[in-house]
Amino acid sequence: MTKNKTPLRIAAQAEPDPTDEDIALIRQMGVDQVVLWVPGEKACYDYYVAQREAFGKAGIGVYALGNSAIHCQDAIVLGLPNRDEIIELYKQHLRDLGRAGIGYTTHAHIGNGVWSSPTGRTRGGAETRALDLDGEAIGGSPHGTFHRPLSHGREYTEDEIWRNYEHFVRQIVPVAEEAGVKIGVHPDDPPVATLAGMPRCFNNFDNYKRALEIADSPNFGVCLCVGCWLEGGESMGCDVLEAIRYFGERGKLFKVHFRNVDRPGTTFVETFLDDGYMDMFEVVKALAEVGFDGVLIPDHVPLMDNDPRIGTAYTIGYMRGLIQRAERER
C-alpha cells in the first residue's frame, strides 16, 4: 500500500565548492539535491554552511554530507587504540551538520574497505568496477589499501566486531538525536561472511535487523546500496525488494544507492542500470509503494568516453524515466 504521494527524489553525487559549470549540469539533469563528501581537514561547521549556501543559491539542497576522515574507519570497527578519538570527531561531525541544517550522513561499518579487482568492462567497453575474489583483489578506503590473507595482522571474531559496533552506537546515537541528524548504515561491499581475517557484519538482512535493534533510534537506519544487495544474492536472506518493503515500512530507509551488477556472487561486473540482472524499475516501484522520502543516488557509474559527466547524465536520465513511470502507475 502506498503510504503517501511524496515524489521520489534523485540526488547527484557532487564535489564540494561547486563551479558554475557543476551547478549548471546538476540543474540541466533535473536534480535539486546533492550528496557531498569532504576531506577531514575541511570538515567543520563553517565549511558545511558554505556548501549549503553555495548550492542553495541555485535552488539545490544538500541532502547528505560525509566526512572522509571518519568513513570506513578501521579504528571504530576493530576497536583500535585511536577509536575513541575518532568517535569524538564523529560526534563533532554530527553536531556541525545539525547546526548547519544538513540532516543526514552515511556510515560504513567496514574495517578493511570496499574490495575490487582490476578495472572491468561493461557494455560497449565502458570501464567499470569489477570483483573476482578468486583472483586478484584488494580493499580500498579513504585510509589506505588492504590485502589478503590478513588485512590487520590477525583474525577477528564476530563477537569483537559486534562489541565494537555496540560501543560506537551507544556513543553516537544520543548525539545524532540531539543534533537532529539521521545516520544510514551502508552494507558491506562485497557482503561476504569474512574477508582478509575480518568478519563483515552488515552482510545480510538478519544482521541489519540486529544492528538496528541495538541502535534503537529513529535517527539510525539504512543506506540501502542496491548493488551490494544484488551482489549478495540469496546470501542476503531476502531479495532487495523485500528489504525495501521491510525497512521502508518502518521508517528506516534513509538513502538508496542505485546500482546494478551482472550477477550475484563474489565474481561480478558493475553495469549500466539497464544492463544488469535486476530490473531496476521493480526497485523504483517498491520505493514508491512504501512512500520512500529520502533520495536515490547514482552509484559507481560506468565511465563513458573518458568523461564521468556523460555516464552520470545517462544514469540520472534513466532514473528519472523509471521514477516518472512508477509515479504514473501509482
Protein backbone atom coordinates (compact mmCIF):
# COMPACT_ATOMS: atom_id res chain seq x y z
CA MET A 1 0.00 0.00 0.00
CA THR A 2 1.28 3.47 -0.87
CA LYS A 3 1.93 5.49 2.29
CA ASN A 4 1.93 8.93 0.72
CA LYS A 5 2.27 10.79 -2.54
CA THR A 6 5.74 12.22 -1.93
CA PRO A 7 7.55 12.11 -5.31
CA LEU A 8 10.74 10.07 -5.36
CA ARG A 9 13.82 12.28 -5.43
CA ILE A 10 17.24 11.89 -7.03
CA ALA A 11 20.42 13.41 -5.60
CA ALA A 12 23.61 13.87 -7.59
CA GLN A 13 26.92 12.94 -6.04
CA ALA A 14 28.70 16.28 -6.37
CA GLU A 15 32.03 17.83 -5.50
CA PRO A 16 32.11 20.50 -2.77
CA ASP A 17 32.96 24.08 -3.76
CA PRO A 18 30.95 23.82 -7.00
CA THR A 19 31.81 25.75 -10.13
CA ASP A 20 29.17 27.42 -12.27
CA GLU A 21 29.53 24.53 -14.72
CA ASP A 22 28.91 22.00 -11.94
CA ILE A 23 25.74 23.78 -10.91
CA ALA A 24 24.54 24.09 -14.49
CA LEU A 25 24.92 20.35 -15.15
CA ILE A 26 23.06 19.42 -11.97
CA ARG A 27 20.16 21.71 -12.88
CA GLN A 28 20.13 20.55 -16.51
CA MET A 29 19.73 16.96 -15.31
CA GLY A 30 16.62 17.99 -13.39
CA VAL A 31 18.14 17.36 -9.95
CA ASP A 32 17.68 19.60 -6.92
CA GLN A 33 19.57 17.63 -4.25
CA VAL A 34 23.23 16.71 -3.83
CA VAL A 35 25.33 14.38 -1.71
CA LEU A 36 28.78 15.63 -0.74
CA TRP A 37 31.94 14.13 0.77
CA VAL A 38 34.54 16.48 2.24
CA PRO A 39 38.12 15.76 3.37
CA GLY A 40 38.78 15.67 7.08
CA GLU A 41 40.90 18.82 7.09
CA LYS A 42 37.92 20.85 5.84
CA ALA A 43 35.25 19.19 7.95
CA CYS A 44 33.74 21.85 10.22
CA TYR A 45 30.55 23.83 10.76
CA ASP A 46 31.66 26.89 8.74
CA TYR A 47 32.57 24.76 5.73
CA TYR A 48 29.30 22.83 5.88
CA VAL A 49 27.34 26.09 5.94
CA ALA A 50 29.38 27.41 3.00
CA GLN A 51 28.48 24.31 0.95
CA ARG A 52 24.80 24.54 1.82
CA GLU A 53 24.76 28.19 0.77
CA ALA A 54 26.77 27.65 -2.43
CA PHE A 55 24.32 25.04 -3.70
CA GLY A 56 21.33 26.77 -2.16
CA LYS A 57 21.81 29.86 -4.30
CA ALA A 58 20.92 27.68 -7.28
CA GLY A 59 17.96 26.07 -5.57
CA ILE A 60 19.85 22.85 -4.80
CA GLY A 61 19.68 21.31 -1.35
CA VAL A 62 22.50 19.42 0.38
CA TYR A 63 20.68 16.25 1.43
CA ALA A 64 23.75 14.47 2.80
CA LEU A 65 27.31 15.31 3.73
CA GLY A 66 30.04 12.91 4.80
CA ASN A 67 33.46 13.43 6.36
CA SER A 68 36.05 11.17 4.73
CA ALA A 69 38.20 11.15 7.87
CA ILE A 70 35.61 9.15 9.81
CA HIS A 71 34.31 6.99 6.93
CA CYS A 72 35.11 3.24 6.78
CA GLN A 73 37.18 3.68 9.93
CA ASP A 74 39.01 0.52 10.97
CA ALA A 75 39.67 2.16 14.34
CA ILE A 76 35.92 2.10 15.08
CA VAL A 77 35.22 -1.33 13.61
CA LEU A 78 38.20 -3.05 15.25
CA GLY A 79 38.48 -1.08 18.48
CA LEU A 80 41.99 0.17 17.72
CA PRO A 81 43.81 2.46 20.19
CA ASN A 82 42.61 5.66 18.48
CA ARG A 83 38.96 4.54 18.40
CA ASP A 84 37.60 6.99 20.93
CA GLU A 85 39.48 9.87 19.32
CA ILE A 86 37.77 9.07 16.01
CA ILE A 87 34.40 8.74 17.73
CA GLU A 88 34.82 12.23 19.18
CA LEU A 89 35.45 13.52 15.64
CA TYR A 90 32.30 11.69 14.59
CA LYS A 91 30.27 13.39 17.33
CA GLN A 92 31.56 16.79 16.25
CA HIS A 93 30.65 16.00 12.65
CA LEU A 94 27.07 15.29 13.73
CA ARG A 95 26.85 18.47 15.81
CA ASP A 96 28.23 20.54 12.93
CA LEU A 97 25.78 19.01 10.47
CA GLY A 98 22.85 19.72 12.75
CA ARG A 99 23.85 23.35 13.28
CA ALA A 100 24.40 23.75 9.52
CA GLY A 101 20.92 22.44 8.72
CA ILE A 102 22.09 19.28 6.95
CA GLY A 103 20.10 16.33 8.22
CA TYR A 104 21.78 13.16 7.00
CA THR A 105 25.13 11.37 6.82
CA THR A 106 26.16 7.84 5.77
CA HIS A 107 28.09 5.42 7.96
CA ALA A 108 30.00 2.41 6.62
CA HIS A 109 30.95 -0.03 9.39
CA ILE A 110 33.63 -1.54 7.17
CA GLY A 111 37.10 -2.15 8.59
CA ASN A 112 39.09 -3.11 5.52
CA GLY A 113 37.40 -1.24 2.73
CA VAL A 114 35.48 -1.93 -0.45
CA TRP A 115 37.18 -4.70 -2.42
CA SER A 116 37.76 -4.58 -6.16
CA SER A 117 39.75 -6.30 -8.88
CA PRO A 118 41.44 -4.72 -11.91
CA THR A 119 39.15 -2.50 -13.97
CA GLY A 120 36.29 -4.32 -15.62
CA ARG A 121 34.39 -3.64 -18.82
CA THR A 122 30.68 -3.45 -19.36
CA ARG A 123 28.53 -2.67 -22.41
CA GLY A 124 30.43 -1.10 -25.27
CA GLY A 125 33.74 -1.44 -23.42
CA ALA A 126 32.89 1.16 -20.76
CA GLU A 127 35.27 0.98 -17.80
CA THR A 128 33.64 -0.14 -14.57
CA ARG A 129 34.38 -1.73 -11.22
CA ALA A 130 34.76 -5.49 -11.15
CA LEU A 131 35.43 -8.07 -8.47
CA ASP A 132 36.85 -11.58 -8.59
CA LEU A 133 37.64 -12.85 -5.10
CA ASP A 134 39.14 -16.00 -6.64
CA GLY A 135 41.75 -13.85 -8.34
CA GLU A 136 43.44 -10.52 -7.70
CA ALA A 137 41.51 -8.24 -5.34
CA ILE A 138 42.35 -5.51 -2.83
CA GLY A 139 40.35 -3.45 -0.37
CA GLY A 140 40.31 0.32 -0.56
CA SER A 141 39.06 3.07 1.74
CA PRO A 142 39.90 6.74 2.41
CA HIS A 143 42.57 5.43 4.78
CA GLY A 144 44.57 3.13 2.51
CA THR A 145 44.56 -0.25 0.80
CA PHE A 146 44.17 -3.71 2.32
CA HIS A 147 45.38 -7.11 1.25
CA ARG A 148 44.83 -10.78 1.97
CA PRO A 149 45.41 -13.03 3.81
CA LEU A 150 45.08 -10.77 6.90
CA SER A 151 44.41 -7.07 6.36
CA HIS A 152 45.17 -6.19 10.02
CA GLY A 153 47.66 -8.81 11.11
CA ARG A 154 45.28 -11.28 12.75
CA GLU A 155 41.84 -12.82 12.53
CA TYR A 156 38.98 -11.06 14.33
CA THR A 157 35.83 -12.69 15.69
CA GLU A 158 32.22 -11.68 15.07
CA ASP A 159 31.82 -11.03 18.79
CA GLU A 160 34.62 -8.47 18.65
CA ILE A 161 33.06 -6.64 15.71
CA TRP A 162 29.63 -6.56 17.34
CA ARG A 163 31.03 -5.34 20.67
CA ASN A 164 32.85 -2.54 18.89
CA TYR A 165 29.71 -1.67 16.94
CA GLU A 166 27.65 -1.50 20.13
CA HIS A 167 30.26 0.76 21.76
CA PHE A 168 30.11 3.03 18.73
CA VAL A 169 26.33 3.37 18.53
CA ARG A 170 25.97 3.91 22.27
CA GLN A 171 28.30 6.87 21.87
CA ILE A 172 26.94 8.49 18.74
CA VAL A 173 23.18 7.82 18.74
CA PRO A 174 22.38 10.31 21.55
CA VAL A 175 24.42 12.97 19.72
CA ALA A 176 22.63 12.27 16.43
CA GLU A 177 19.25 12.56 18.13
CA GLU A 178 20.18 15.81 19.84
CA ALA A 179 21.59 17.24 16.59
CA GLY A 180 18.59 16.14 14.54
CA VAL A 181 20.77 14.19 12.10
CA LYS A 182 19.94 10.79 10.61
CA ILE A 183 22.61 8.15 10.03
CA GLY A 184 22.18 5.45 7.38
CA VAL A 185 24.41 2.37 7.53
CA HIS A 186 25.82 1.11 4.23
CA PRO A 187 26.15 -2.65 3.54
CA ASP A 188 29.50 -4.39 3.33
CA ASP A 189 30.90 -4.44 -0.20
CA PRO A 190 31.15 -7.25 -1.03
CA PRO A 191 28.69 -8.66 1.53
CA VAL A 192 30.60 -11.86 2.31
CA ALA A 193 30.94 -13.51 5.72
CA THR A 194 34.66 -12.83 6.25
CA LEU A 195 37.32 -11.12 4.19
CA ALA A 196 41.06 -10.89 4.95
CA GLY A 197 40.53 -12.07 8.51
CA MET A 198 37.66 -9.70 9.27
CA PRO A 199 34.01 -10.68 9.74
CA ARG A 200 31.61 -8.47 7.79
CA CYS A 201 28.53 -7.89 9.88
CA PHE A 202 26.44 -5.74 7.51
CA ASN A 203 26.22 -8.59 5.05
CA ASN A 204 22.65 -9.87 5.38
CA PHE A 205 19.11 -9.00 6.39
CA ASP A 206 19.19 -10.57 9.86
CA ASN A 207 22.37 -8.73 10.80
CA TYR A 208 20.84 -5.44 9.69
CA LYS A 209 17.84 -6.08 11.93
CA ARG A 210 20.18 -6.88 14.82
CA ALA A 211 22.16 -3.68 14.24
CA LEU A 212 19.05 -1.50 14.14
CA GLU A 213 17.70 -3.12 17.31
CA ILE A 214 20.96 -2.35 19.12
CA ALA A 215 20.85 1.28 17.99
CA ASP A 216 17.13 1.55 18.83
CA SER A 217 16.78 5.08 17.48
CA PRO A 218 14.59 6.85 14.91
CA ASN A 219 17.77 8.60 13.75
CA PHE A 220 19.61 5.37 12.92
CA GLY A 221 18.62 3.45 9.81
CA VAL A 222 19.69 2.14 6.43
CA CYS A 223 21.61 3.45 3.46
CA LEU A 224 20.48 0.71 1.12
CA CYS A 225 23.01 0.01 -1.61
CA VAL A 226 21.03 -1.89 -4.22
CA GLY A 227 24.26 -3.01 -5.86
CA CYS A 228 25.61 -4.59 -2.67
CA TRP A 229 22.29 -6.35 -2.06
CA LEU A 230 22.37 -7.71 -5.60
CA GLU A 231 25.98 -8.84 -5.12
CA GLY A 232 24.94 -10.88 -2.09
CA GLY A 233 22.02 -12.56 -3.84
CA GLU A 234 20.48 -15.39 -1.81
CA SER A 235 23.04 -14.98 0.99
CA MET A 236 21.34 -11.69 1.96
CA GLY A 237 18.40 -13.63 3.41
CA CYS A 238 15.81 -11.78 1.34
CA ASP A 239 15.79 -10.02 -2.00
CA VAL A 240 16.24 -6.29 -2.35
CA LEU A 241 12.51 -5.68 -2.88
CA GLU A 242 11.67 -7.41 0.39
CA ALA A 243 14.37 -5.38 2.14
CA ILE A 244 12.90 -2.14 0.78
CA ARG A 245 9.45 -3.06 2.00
CA TYR A 246 10.66 -4.09 5.45
CA PHE A 247 12.89 -1.09 6.15
CA GLY A 248 10.69 1.39 4.29
CA GLU A 249 7.51 0.47 6.14
CA ARG A 250 9.33 1.00 9.44
CA GLY A 251 10.75 4.41 8.52
CA LYS A 252 14.30 3.08 8.50
CA LEU A 253 15.19 3.67 4.86
CA PHE A 254 17.07 6.98 4.52
CA LYS A 255 19.07 6.83 1.28
CA VAL A 256 19.34 4.44 -1.68
CA HIS A 257 22.45 3.82 -3.79
CA PHE A 258 21.10 2.92 -7.22
CA ARG A 259 23.36 0.41 -8.96
CA ASN A 260 23.12 -2.83 -10.95
CA VAL A 261 25.51 -5.76 -11.44
CA ASP A 262 25.72 -8.57 -13.96
CA ARG A 263 25.34 -11.44 -11.46
CA PRO A 264 25.32 -12.27 -7.75
CA GLY A 265 28.34 -13.75 -6.01
CA THR A 266 31.99 -12.96 -5.48
CA THR A 267 32.71 -12.54 -9.20
CA PHE A 268 30.77 -9.73 -10.85
CA VAL A 269 30.98 -6.62 -13.00
CA GLU A 270 29.04 -3.43 -12.31
CA THR A 271 26.82 -2.49 -15.23
CA PHE A 272 24.68 0.28 -16.63
CA LEU A 273 21.32 0.34 -14.87
CA ASP A 274 19.53 -1.20 -17.85
CA ASP A 275 22.10 -3.92 -18.45
CA GLY A 276 22.39 -5.90 -15.18
CA TYR A 277 20.49 -8.86 -13.83
CA MET A 278 17.98 -6.75 -11.86
CA ASP A 279 15.01 -4.96 -13.39
CA MET A 280 15.61 -1.60 -11.72
CA PHE A 281 12.04 -0.49 -12.37
CA GLU A 282 10.92 -3.02 -9.77
CA VAL A 283 13.23 -1.31 -7.26
CA VAL A 284 11.76 2.12 -8.02
CA LYS A 285 8.22 0.75 -7.86
CA ALA A 286 8.88 -0.78 -4.42
CA LEU A 287 10.29 2.53 -3.18
CA ALA A 288 7.22 4.36 -4.43
CA GLU A 289 4.91 1.83 -2.78
CA VAL A 290 6.47 2.35 0.68
CA GLY A 291 6.42 6.14 0.32
CA PHE A 292 10.22 6.47 0.40
CA ASP A 293 11.04 10.10 1.26
CA GLY A 294 14.84 10.01 1.12
CA VAL A 295 16.93 10.23 -2.06
CA LEU A 296 18.21 7.85 -4.70
CA ILE A 297 21.75 8.48 -5.93
CA PRO A 298 23.55 7.10 -8.99
CA ASP A 299 26.34 4.88 -7.70
CA HIS A 300 29.59 3.62 -9.25
CA VAL A 301 28.61 4.86 -12.69
CA PRO A 302 30.49 3.22 -15.62
CA LEU A 303 32.89 5.58 -17.38
CA MET A 304 31.68 6.68 -20.81
CA ASP A 305 34.09 8.22 -23.32
CA ASN A 306 36.59 9.08 -20.54
CA ASP A 307 34.21 11.74 -19.17
CA PRO A 308 32.38 10.86 -15.92
CA ARG A 309 29.75 13.52 -16.61
CA ILE A 310 28.40 11.54 -19.57
CA GLY A 311 27.70 8.40 -17.56
CA THR A 312 26.20 10.44 -14.74
CA ALA A 313 23.83 12.25 -17.11
CA TYR A 314 22.86 8.98 -18.81
CA THR A 315 22.22 7.31 -15.44
CA ILE A 316 20.17 10.15 -13.97
CA GLY A 317 18.13 10.42 -17.16
CA TYR A 318 17.33 6.73 -16.94
CA MET A 319 16.44 7.06 -13.24
CA ARG A 320 14.10 9.95 -13.99
CA GLY A 321 12.33 7.85 -16.59
CA LEU A 322 11.86 4.98 -14.14
CA ILE A 323 10.52 7.33 -11.49
CA GLN A 324 8.06 9.02 -13.87
CA ARG A 325 6.71 5.62 -14.91
CA ALA A 326 6.38 4.47 -11.28
CA GLU A 327 4.62 7.71 -10.29
CA ARG A 328 2.12 7.30 -13.14
CA GLU A 329 1.37 3.71 -12.16
CA ARG A 330 0.65 4.52 -8.53
